[in-house]
All heavy atoms as atom14 arrays in JSON, in Angstrom:
{
  "sequence": "IVVLLLGVMWELLCRRTGSTLPPPSKVYKDTKELIFDPFFDNGG",
  "atom14_mask": [
    [1, 1, 1, 1, 1, 1, 1, 1, 0, 0, 0, 0, 0, 0],
    [1, 1, 1, 1, 1, 1, 1, 0, 0, 0, 0, 0, 0, 0],
    [1, 1, 1, 1, 1, 1, 1, 0, 0, 0, 0, 0, 0, 0],
    [1, 1, 1, 1, 1, 1, 1, 1, 0, 0, 0, 0, 0, 0],
    [1, 1, 1, 1, 1, 1, 1, 1, 0, 0, 0, 0, 0, 0],
    [1, 1, 1, 1, 1, 1, 1, 1, 0, 0, 0, 0, 0, 0],
    [1, 1, 1, 1, 0, 0, 0, 0, 0, 0, 0, 0, 0, 0],
    [1, 1, 1, 1, 1, 1, 1, 0, 0, 0, 0, 0, 0, 0],
    [1, 1, 1, 1, 1, 1, 1, 1, 0, 0, 0, 0, 0, 0],
    [1, 1, 1, 1, 1, 1, 1, 1, 1, 1, 1, 1, 1, 1],
    [1, 1, 1, 1, 1, 1, 1, 1, 1, 0, 0, 0, 0, 0],
    [1, 1, 1, 1, 1, 1, 1, 1, 0, 0, 0, 0, 0, 0],
    [1, 1, 1, 1, 1, 1, 1, 1, 0, 0, 0, 0, 0, 0],
    [1, 1, 1, 1, 1, 1, 0, 0, 0, 0, 0, 0, 0, 0],
    [1, 1, 1, 1, 1, 1, 1, 1, 1, 1, 1, 0, 0, 0],
    [1, 1, 1, 1, 1, 1, 1, 1, 1, 1, 1, 0, 0, 0],
    [1, 1, 1, 1, 1, 1, 1, 0, 0, 0, 0, 0, 0, 0],
    [1, 1, 1, 1, 0, 0, 0, 0, 0, 0, 0, 0, 0, 0],
    [1, 1, 1, 1, 1, 1, 0, 0, 0, 0, 0, 0, 0, 0],
    [1, 1, 1, 1, 1, 1, 1, 0, 0, 0, 0, 0, 0, 0],
    [1, 1, 1, 1, 1, 1, 1, 1, 0, 0, 0, 0, 0, 0],
    [1, 1, 1, 1, 1, 1, 1, 0, 0, 0, 0, 0, 0, 0],
    [1, 1, 1, 1, 1, 1, 1, 0, 0, 0, 0, 0, 0, 0],
    [1, 1, 1, 1, 1, 1, 1, 0, 0, 0, 0, 0, 0, 0],
    [1, 1, 1, 1, 1, 1, 0, 0, 0, 0, 0, 0, 0, 0],
    [1, 1, 1, 1, 1, 1, 1, 1, 1, 0, 0, 0, 0, 0],
    [1, 1, 1, 1, 1, 1, 1, 0, 0, 0, 0, 0, 0, 0],
    [1, 1, 1, 1, 1, 1, 1, 1, 1, 1, 1, 1, 0, 0],
    [1, 1, 1, 1, 1, 1, 1, 1, 1, 0, 0, 0, 0, 0],
    [1, 1, 1, 1, 1, 1, 1, 1, 0, 0, 0, 0, 0, 0],
    [1, 1, 1, 1, 1, 1, 1, 0, 0, 0, 0, 0, 0, 0],
    [1, 1, 1, 1, 1, 1, 1, 1, 1, 0, 0, 0, 0, 0],
    [1, 1, 1, 1, 1, 1, 1, 1, 1, 0, 0, 0, 0, 0],
    [1, 1, 1, 1, 1, 1, 1, 1, 0, 0, 0, 0, 0, 0],
    [1, 1, 1, 1, 1, 1, 1, 1, 0, 0, 0, 0, 0, 0],
    [1, 1, 1, 1, 1, 1, 1, 1, 1, 1, 1, 0, 0, 0],
    [1, 1, 1, 1, 1, 1, 1, 1, 0, 0, 0, 0, 0, 0],
    [1, 1, 1, 1, 1, 1, 1, 0, 0, 0, 0, 0, 0, 0],
    [1, 1, 1, 1, 1, 1, 1, 1, 1, 1, 1, 0, 0, 0],
    [1, 1, 1, 1, 1, 1, 1, 1, 1, 1, 1, 0, 0, 0],
    [1, 1, 1, 1, 1, 1, 1, 1, 0, 0, 0, 0, 0, 0],
    [1, 1, 1, 1, 1, 1, 1, 1, 0, 0, 0, 0, 0, 0],
    [1, 1, 1, 1, 0, 0, 0, 0, 0, 0, 0, 0, 0, 0],
    [1, 1, 1, 1, 0, 0, 0, 0, 0, 0, 0, 0, 0, 0]
  ],
  "atom14_positions": [
    [[0.83, -1.2, 0.0], [0.0, 0.0, 0.0], [0.87, 1.25, 0.0], [0.61, 2.22, -0.74], [-0.95, -0.02, 1.21], [-1.96, -1.17, 1.08], [-1.69, 1.32, 1.34], [-2.86, -1.34, 2.27], [0.0, 0.0, 0.0], [0.0, 0.0, 0.0], [0.0, 0.0, 0.0], [0.0, 0.0, 0.0], [0.0, 0.0, 0.0], [0.0, 0.0, 0.0]],
    [[1.91, 1.25, 0.83], [2.81, 2.4, 0.89], [3.5, 2.62, -0.45], [3.6, 3.75, -0.95], [3.84, 2.23, 2.03], [4.88, 3.34, 1.98], [3.14, 2.22, 3.38], [0.0, 0.0, 0.0], [0.0, 0.0, 0.0], [0.0, 0.0, 0.0], [0.0, 0.0, 0.0], [0.0, 0.0, 0.0], [0.0, 0.0, 0.0], [0.0, 0.0, 0.0]],
    [[4.0, 1.53, -1.06], [4.68, 1.63, -2.36], [3.71, 2.16, -3.42], [4.08, 3.01, -4.25], [5.26, 0.26, -2.77], [5.73, 0.3, -4.22], [6.41, -0.11, -1.86], [0.0, 0.0, 0.0], [0.0, 0.0, 0.0], [0.0, 0.0, 0.0], [0.0, 0.0, 0.0], [0.0, 0.0, 0.0], [0.0, 0.0, 0.0], [0.0, 0.0, 0.0]],
    [[2.48, 1.68, -3.4], [1.48, 2.14, -4.36], [1.2, 3.63, -4.19], [1.13, 4.38, -5.19], [0.19, 1.33, -4.2], [-0.95, 1.67, -5.16], [-0.51, 1.42, -6.6], [-2.2, 0.87, -4.83], [0.0, 0.0, 0.0], [0.0, 0.0, 0.0], [0.0, 0.0, 0.0], [0.0, 0.0, 0.0], [0.0, 0.0, 0.0], [0.0, 0.0, 0.0]],
    [[1.04, 4.08, -2.95], [0.78, 5.5, -2.71], [1.97, 6.36, -3.13], [1.79, 7.43, -3.75], [0.46, 5.72, -1.22], [-0.86, 5.13, -0.72], [-1.0, 5.34, 0.79], [-2.05, 5.76, -1.45], [0.0, 0.0, 0.0], [0.0, 0.0, 0.0], [0.0, 0.0, 0.0], [0.0, 0.0, 0.0], [0.0, 0.0, 0.0], [0.0, 0.0, 0.0]],
    [[3.19, 5.9, -2.82], [4.37, 6.65, -3.23], [4.49, 6.7, -4.75], [4.89, 7.73, -5.32], [5.63, 6.02, -2.62], [5.79, 6.15, -1.11], [7.03, 5.4, -0.64], [5.89, 7.62, -0.7], [0.0, 0.0, 0.0], [0.0, 0.0, 0.0], [0.0, 0.0, 0.0], [0.0, 0.0, 0.0], [0.0, 0.0, 0.0], [0.0, 0.0, 0.0]],
    [[4.15, 5.59, -5.42], [4.19, 5.58, -6.87], [3.2, 6.55, -7.49], [3.52, 7.24, -8.47], [0.0, 0.0, 0.0], [0.0, 0.0, 0.0], [0.0, 0.0, 0.0], [0.0, 0.0, 0.0], [0.0, 0.0, 0.0], [0.0, 0.0, 0.0], [0.0, 0.0, 0.0], [0.0, 0.0, 0.0], [0.0, 0.0, 0.0], [0.0, 0.0, 0.0]],
    [[2.0, 6.62, -6.92], [1.0, 7.57, -7.42], [1.47, 9.01, -7.21], [1.35, 9.85, -8.12], [-0.35, 7.32, -6.73], [-1.35, 8.42, -7.08], [-0.91, 5.96, -7.13], [0.0, 0.0, 0.0], [0.0, 0.0, 0.0], [0.0, 0.0, 0.0], [0.0, 0.0, 0.0], [0.0, 0.0, 0.0], [0.0, 0.0, 0.0], [0.0, 0.0, 0.0]],
    [[2.01, 9.29, -6.03], [2.52, 10.64, -5.77], [3.67, 10.98, -6.71], [3.75, 12.09, -7.25], [2.98, 10.74, -4.31], [1.87, 10.65, -3.29], [2.49, 10.66, -1.6], [3.41, 12.2, -1.57], [0.0, 0.0, 0.0], [0.0, 0.0, 0.0], [0.0, 0.0, 0.0], [0.0, 0.0, 0.0], [0.0, 0.0, 0.0], [0.0, 0.0, 0.0]],
    [[4.57, 10.02, -6.93], [5.7, 10.24, -7.84], [5.2, 10.53, -9.26], [5.69, 11.44, -9.92], [6.58, 8.99, -7.79], [7.76, 8.99, -8.72], [8.27, 10.04, -9.43], [8.55, 7.85, -9.05], [9.34, 9.64, -10.17], [9.54, 8.31, -9.96], [8.55, 6.52, -8.66], [10.5, 7.44, -10.49], [9.49, 5.68, -9.18], [10.46, 6.14, -10.09]],
    [[4.21, 9.77, -9.7], [3.66, 9.96, -11.04], [3.04, 11.35, -11.18], [3.26, 12.06, -12.19], [2.62, 8.87, -11.33], [2.01, 8.93, -12.71], [2.94, 8.43, -13.79], [3.83, 7.61, -13.48], [2.78, 8.86, -14.95], [0.0, 0.0, 0.0], [0.0, 0.0, 0.0], [0.0, 0.0, 0.0], [0.0, 0.0, 0.0], [0.0, 0.0, 0.0]],
    [[2.27, 11.76, -10.18], [1.59, 13.05, -10.27], [2.58, 14.21, -10.21], [2.45, 15.19, -10.96], [0.57, 13.16, -9.13], [-0.62, 12.18, -9.19], [-1.49, 12.33, -7.96], [-1.43, 12.39, -10.47], [0.0, 0.0, 0.0], [0.0, 0.0, 0.0], [0.0, 0.0, 0.0], [0.0, 0.0, 0.0], [0.0, 0.0, 0.0], [0.0, 0.0, 0.0]],
    [[3.57, 14.11, -9.34], [4.53, 15.21, -9.19], [5.43, 15.35, -10.41], [5.74, 16.47, -10.85], [5.38, 15.0, -7.93], [4.66, 15.14, -6.59], [5.59, 14.76, -5.44], [4.15, 16.58, -6.4], [0.0, 0.0, 0.0], [0.0, 0.0, 0.0], [0.0, 0.0, 0.0], [0.0, 0.0, 0.0], [0.0, 0.0, 0.0], [0.0, 0.0, 0.0]],
    [[5.87, 14.22, -10.96], [6.83, 14.28, -12.07], [6.17, 14.46, -13.43], [6.86, 14.62, -14.44], [7.68, 13.02, -12.08], [8.78, 12.87, -10.65], [0.0, 0.0, 0.0], [0.0, 0.0, 0.0], [0.0, 0.0, 0.0], [0.0, 0.0, 0.0], [0.0, 0.0, 0.0], [0.0, 0.0, 0.0], [0.0, 0.0, 0.0], [0.0, 0.0, 0.0]],
    [[4.84, 14.42, -13.49], [4.15, 14.7, -14.74], [3.97, 16.2, -14.97], [3.59, 16.62, -16.07], [2.78, 14.02, -14.75], [2.8, 12.58, -15.24], [1.42, 12.03, -15.35], [1.43, 10.7, -15.95], [1.39, 10.47, -17.25], [1.36, 11.49, -18.09], [1.39, 9.24, -17.72], [0.0, 0.0, 0.0], [0.0, 0.0, 0.0], [0.0, 0.0, 0.0]],
    [[4.23, 16.99, -13.95], [4.05, 18.43, -14.09], [5.07, 19.01, -15.05], [6.18, 18.5, -15.21], [4.17, 19.12, -12.73], [3.09, 18.7, -11.72], [3.22, 19.5, -10.44], [4.57, 19.39, -9.88], [4.98, 20.09, -8.82], [4.15, 20.96, -8.24], [6.2, 19.94, -8.37], [0.0, 0.0, 0.0], [0.0, 0.0, 0.0], [0.0, 0.0, 0.0]],
    [[4.72, 20.1, -15.66], [5.62, 20.77, -16.6], [6.84, 21.31, -15.85], [6.71, 21.92, -14.79], [4.89, 21.92, -17.31], [3.72, 21.4, -17.94], [5.78, 22.58, -18.35], [0.0, 0.0, 0.0], [0.0, 0.0, 0.0], [0.0, 0.0, 0.0], [0.0, 0.0, 0.0], [0.0, 0.0, 0.0], [0.0, 0.0, 0.0], [0.0, 0.0, 0.0]],
    [[8.0, 21.1, -16.41], [9.24, 21.58, -15.8], [9.89, 20.6, -14.86], [10.96, 20.89, -14.31], [0.0, 0.0, 0.0], [0.0, 0.0, 0.0], [0.0, 0.0, 0.0], [0.0, 0.0, 0.0], [0.0, 0.0, 0.0], [0.0, 0.0, 0.0], [0.0, 0.0, 0.0], [0.0, 0.0, 0.0], [0.0, 0.0, 0.0], [0.0, 0.0, 0.0]],
    [[9.28, 19.42, -14.67], [9.89, 18.42, -13.79], [11.14, 17.84, -14.44], [11.15, 17.52, -15.63], [8.88, 17.31, -13.5], [9.46, 16.29, -12.72], [0.0, 0.0, 0.0], [0.0, 0.0, 0.0], [0.0, 0.0, 0.0], [0.0, 0.0, 0.0], [0.0, 0.0, 0.0], [0.0, 0.0, 0.0], [0.0, 0.0, 0.0], [0.0, 0.0, 0.0]],
    [[12.2, 17.7, -13.66], [13.47, 17.17, -14.19], [13.6, 15.66, -14.0], [14.54, 15.07, -14.52], [14.65, 17.86, -13.5], [14.55, 17.66, -12.07], [14.66, 19.36, -13.81], [0.0, 0.0, 0.0], [0.0, 0.0, 0.0], [0.0, 0.0, 0.0], [0.0, 0.0, 0.0], [0.0, 0.0, 0.0], [0.0, 0.0, 0.0], [0.0, 0.0, 0.0]],
    [[12.71, 15.05, -13.26], [12.74, 13.61, -13.03], [11.59, 12.94, -13.78], [10.48, 13.48, -13.84], [12.64, 13.29, -11.54], [13.81, 13.74, -10.67], [13.53, 13.4, -9.21], [15.12, 13.09, -11.13], [0.0, 0.0, 0.0], [0.0, 0.0, 0.0], [0.0, 0.0, 0.0], [0.0, 0.0, 0.0], [0.0, 0.0, 0.0], [0.0, 0.0, 0.0]],
    [[11.83, 11.78, -14.37], [10.77, 11.08, -15.11], [9.78, 10.4, -14.17], [10.17, 9.91, -13.1], [11.54, 10.06, -15.94], [12.76, 9.77, -15.13], [13.11, 11.06, -14.44], [0.0, 0.0, 0.0], [0.0, 0.0, 0.0], [0.0, 0.0, 0.0], [0.0, 0.0, 0.0], [0.0, 0.0, 0.0], [0.0, 0.0, 0.0], [0.0, 0.0, 0.0]],
    [[8.51, 10.34, -14.54], [7.53, 9.59, -13.74], [7.73, 8.09, -13.92], [8.44, 7.65, -14.85], [6.18, 10.05, -14.31], [6.5, 10.45, -15.71], [7.89, 11.0, -15.69], [0.0, 0.0, 0.0], [0.0, 0.0, 0.0], [0.0, 0.0, 0.0], [0.0, 0.0, 0.0], [0.0, 0.0, 0.0], [0.0, 0.0, 0.0], [0.0, 0.0, 0.0]],
    [[7.11, 7.27, -13.09], [7.28, 5.81, -13.22], [6.9, 5.27, -14.59], [7.55, 4.34, -15.09], [6.37, 5.26, -12.12], [6.24, 6.36, -11.14], [6.31, 7.63, -11.91], [0.0, 0.0, 0.0], [0.0, 0.0, 0.0], [0.0, 0.0, 0.0], [0.0, 0.0, 0.0], [0.0, 0.0, 0.0], [0.0, 0.0, 0.0], [0.0, 0.0, 0.0]],
    [[5.86, 5.83, -15.2], [5.44, 5.35, -16.52], [6.54, 5.56, -17.55], [6.8, 4.69, -18.39], [4.16, 6.07, -16.94], [4.35, 7.48, -16.94], [0.0, 0.0, 0.0], [0.0, 0.0, 0.0], [0.0, 0.0, 0.0], [0.0, 0.0, 0.0], [0.0, 0.0, 0.0], [0.0, 0.0, 0.0], [0.0, 0.0, 0.0], [0.0, 0.0, 0.0]],
    [[7.23, 6.7, -17.5], [8.32, 6.96, -18.44], [9.55, 6.1, -18.12], [10.26, 5.67, -19.04], [8.69, 8.44, -18.41], [9.67, 8.85, -19.51], [9.92, 10.34, -19.51], [10.74, 10.81, -20.68], [11.74, 9.89, -21.2], [0.0, 0.0, 0.0], [0.0, 0.0, 0.0], [0.0, 0.0, 0.0], [0.0, 0.0, 0.0], [0.0, 0.0, 0.0]],
    [[9.79, 5.87, -16.84], [10.92, 5.0, -16.47], [10.72, 3.61, -17.06], [11.65, 3.02, -17.63], [11.06, 4.93, -14.93], [12.07, 3.87, -14.54], [11.47, 6.29, -14.37], [0.0, 0.0, 0.0], [0.0, 0.0, 0.0], [0.0, 0.0, 0.0], [0.0, 0.0, 0.0], [0.0, 0.0, 0.0], [0.0, 0.0, 0.0], [0.0, 0.0, 0.0]],
    [[9.51, 3.1, -16.94], [9.23, 1.77, -17.5], [9.37, 1.77, -19.02], [9.94, 0.85, -19.61], [7.82, 1.32, -17.11], [7.4, 0.04, -17.76], [7.9, -1.19, -17.32], [6.51, 0.05, -18.84], [7.52, -2.37, -17.92], [6.13, -1.13, -19.45], [6.63, -2.34, -18.99], [6.27, -3.51, -19.6], [0.0, 0.0, 0.0], [0.0, 0.0, 0.0]],
    [[8.87, 2.8, -19.65], [8.94, 2.88, -21.11], [10.38, 2.96, -21.6], [10.76, 2.32, -22.59], [8.14, 4.09, -21.59], [8.11, 4.26, -23.1], [7.3, 5.48, -23.5], [7.31, 5.67, -25.02], [6.53, 6.87, -25.42], [0.0, 0.0, 0.0], [0.0, 0.0, 0.0], [0.0, 0.0, 0.0], [0.0, 0.0, 0.0], [0.0, 0.0, 0.0]],
    [[11.22, 3.75, -20.9], [12.6, 3.94, -21.33], [13.48, 2.73, -21.04], [14.49, 2.52, -21.74], [13.19, 5.18, -20.65], [12.51, 6.46, -21.1], [11.85, 6.45, -22.16], [12.64, 7.48, -20.38], [0.0, 0.0, 0.0], [0.0, 0.0, 0.0], [0.0, 0.0, 0.0], [0.0, 0.0, 0.0], [0.0, 0.0, 0.0], [0.0, 0.0, 0.0]],
    [[13.17, 1.99, -20.0], [14.06, 0.89, -19.55], [13.45, -0.49, -19.77], [13.94, -1.46, -19.21], [14.39, 1.07, -18.06], [13.18, 0.99, -17.29], [15.08, 2.4, -17.8], [0.0, 0.0, 0.0], [0.0, 0.0, 0.0], [0.0, 0.0, 0.0], [0.0, 0.0, 0.0], [0.0, 0.0, 0.0], [0.0, 0.0, 0.0], [0.0, 0.0, 0.0]],
    [[12.42, -0.57, -20.58], [11.74, -1.86, -20.77], [12.69, -2.92, -21.3], [12.64, -4.08, -20.88], [10.55, -1.65, -21.72], [9.69, -2.88, -21.9], [8.33, -2.5, -22.51], [8.54, -1.71, -23.78], [7.23, -1.42, -24.46], [0.0, 0.0, 0.0], [0.0, 0.0, 0.0], [0.0, 0.0, 0.0], [0.0, 0.0, 0.0], [0.0, 0.0, 0.0]],
    [[13.57, -2.54, -22.22], [14.51, -3.52, -22.78], [15.5, -3.99, -21.72], [15.86, -5.17, -21.68], [15.24, -2.9, -23.96], [14.34, -2.59, -25.16], [15.12, -2.02, -26.32], [16.36, -1.91, -26.19], [14.5, -1.69, -27.34], [0.0, 0.0, 0.0], [0.0, 0.0, 0.0], [0.0, 0.0, 0.0], [0.0, 0.0, 0.0], [0.0, 0.0, 0.0]],
    [[15.95, -3.09, -20.86], [16.87, -3.48, -19.79], [16.2, -4.4, -18.78], [16.83, -5.3, -18.22], [17.41, -2.24, -19.08], [18.4, -1.38, -19.85], [18.69, -0.09, -19.07], [19.7, -2.14, -20.1], [0.0, 0.0, 0.0], [0.0, 0.0, 0.0], [0.0, 0.0, 0.0], [0.0, 0.0, 0.0], [0.0, 0.0, 0.0], [0.0, 0.0, 0.0]],
    [[14.92, -4.18, -18.54], [14.19, -4.99, -17.56], [14.0, -6.42, -18.07], [14.24, -7.39, -17.35], [12.84, -4.34, -17.23], [13.04, -3.0, -16.53], [11.99, -5.27, -16.35], [11.77, -2.22, -16.3], [0.0, 0.0, 0.0], [0.0, 0.0, 0.0], [0.0, 0.0, 0.0], [0.0, 0.0, 0.0], [0.0, 0.0, 0.0], [0.0, 0.0, 0.0]],
    [[13.57, -6.54, -19.32], [13.21, -7.86, -19.85], [14.38, -8.6, -20.5], [14.26, -9.78, -20.82], [12.07, -7.72, -20.86], [10.76, -7.3, -20.23], [10.3, -6.01, -20.38], [10.03, -8.2, -19.48], [9.11, -5.62, -19.8], [8.84, -7.83, -18.89], [8.37, -6.53, -19.04], [0.0, 0.0, 0.0], [0.0, 0.0, 0.0], [0.0, 0.0, 0.0]],
    [[15.5, -7.91, -20.7], [16.68, -8.58, -21.27], [17.93, -8.14, -20.5], [18.75, -7.39, -21.01], [16.82, -8.24, -22.75], [17.92, -9.07, -23.42], [18.37, -10.06, -22.81], [18.34, -8.71, -24.54], [0.0, 0.0, 0.0], [0.0, 0.0, 0.0], [0.0, 0.0, 0.0], [0.0, 0.0, 0.0], [0.0, 0.0, 0.0], [0.0, 0.0, 0.0]],
    [[18.08, -8.63, -19.25], [19.24, -8.21, -18.45], [20.51, -9.0, -18.77], [21.56, -8.73, -18.18], [18.78, -8.49, -17.02], [17.86, -9.66, -17.15], [17.18, -9.5, -18.48], [0.0, 0.0, 0.0], [0.0, 0.0, 0.0], [0.0, 0.0, 0.0], [0.0, 0.0, 0.0], [0.0, 0.0, 0.0], [0.0, 0.0, 0.0], [0.0, 0.0, 0.0]],
    [[20.45, -9.97, -19.7], [21.59, -10.85, -19.94], [22.33, -10.56, -21.25], [23.23, -11.31, -21.6], [21.12, -12.31, -19.96], [20.45, -12.76, -18.7], [19.07, -12.85, -18.63], [21.19, -13.08, -17.57], [18.44, -13.26, -17.47], [20.57, -13.49, -16.41], [19.2, -13.58, -16.36], [0.0, 0.0, 0.0], [0.0, 0.0, 0.0], [0.0, 0.0, 0.0]],
    [[21.97, -9.49, -21.94], [22.63, -9.24, -23.22], [24.08, -8.8, -22.97], [24.41, -8.2, -21.95], [21.88, -8.18, -24.03], [22.03, -6.77, -23.51], [23.09, -5.96, -23.91], [21.09, -6.23, -22.64], [23.22, -4.67, -23.44], [21.21, -4.95, -22.16], [22.28, -4.15, -22.56], [0.0, 0.0, 0.0], [0.0, 0.0, 0.0], [0.0, 0.0, 0.0]],
    [[24.93, -9.11, -23.94], [26.34, -8.76, -23.85], [26.84, -8.44, -25.26], [27.07, -9.33, -26.07], [27.14, -9.92, -23.25], [28.61, -9.54, -22.98], [29.02, -8.44, -23.37], [29.32, -10.37, -22.39], [0.0, 0.0, 0.0], [0.0, 0.0, 0.0], [0.0, 0.0, 0.0], [0.0, 0.0, 0.0], [0.0, 0.0, 0.0], [0.0, 0.0, 0.0]],
    [[26.98, -7.13, -25.53], [27.44, -6.67, -26.83], [28.94, -6.38, -26.84], [29.44, -5.77, -27.79], [26.67, -5.42, -27.26], [25.19, -5.7, -27.43], [24.79, -6.81, -27.8], [24.35, -4.71, -27.15], [0.0, 0.0, 0.0], [0.0, 0.0, 0.0], [0.0, 0.0, 0.0], [0.0, 0.0, 0.0], [0.0, 0.0, 0.0], [0.0, 0.0, 0.0]],
    [[29.64, -6.82, -25.81], [31.08, -6.6, -25.74], [31.42, -5.3, -25.05], [30.62, -4.35, -25.02], [0.0, 0.0, 0.0], [0.0, 0.0, 0.0], [0.0, 0.0, 0.0], [0.0, 0.0, 0.0], [0.0, 0.0, 0.0], [0.0, 0.0, 0.0], [0.0, 0.0, 0.0], [0.0, 0.0, 0.0], [0.0, 0.0, 0.0], [0.0, 0.0, 0.0]],
    [[32.57, -5.23, -24.46], [33.01, -4.03, -23.77], [32.15, -3.76, -22.55], [31.88, -4.65, -21.74], [0.0, 0.0, 0.0], [0.0, 0.0, 0.0], [0.0, 0.0, 0.0], [0.0, 0.0, 0.0], [0.0, 0.0, 0.0], [0.0, 0.0, 0.0], [0.0, 0.0, 0.0], [0.0, 0.0, 0.0], [0.0, 0.0, 0.0], [0.0, 0.0, 0.0]]
  ]
}
């Protein structure tokens, strides 16, 4: 419940214009490939 409430607050605060931090929805969208494919190795 606490995590859910914090997530909702984070989403509402970071959706405002001028926010420098991404909301949870954008974090998921930007890092979806890293989440579902943590084992890739392209060298270096």
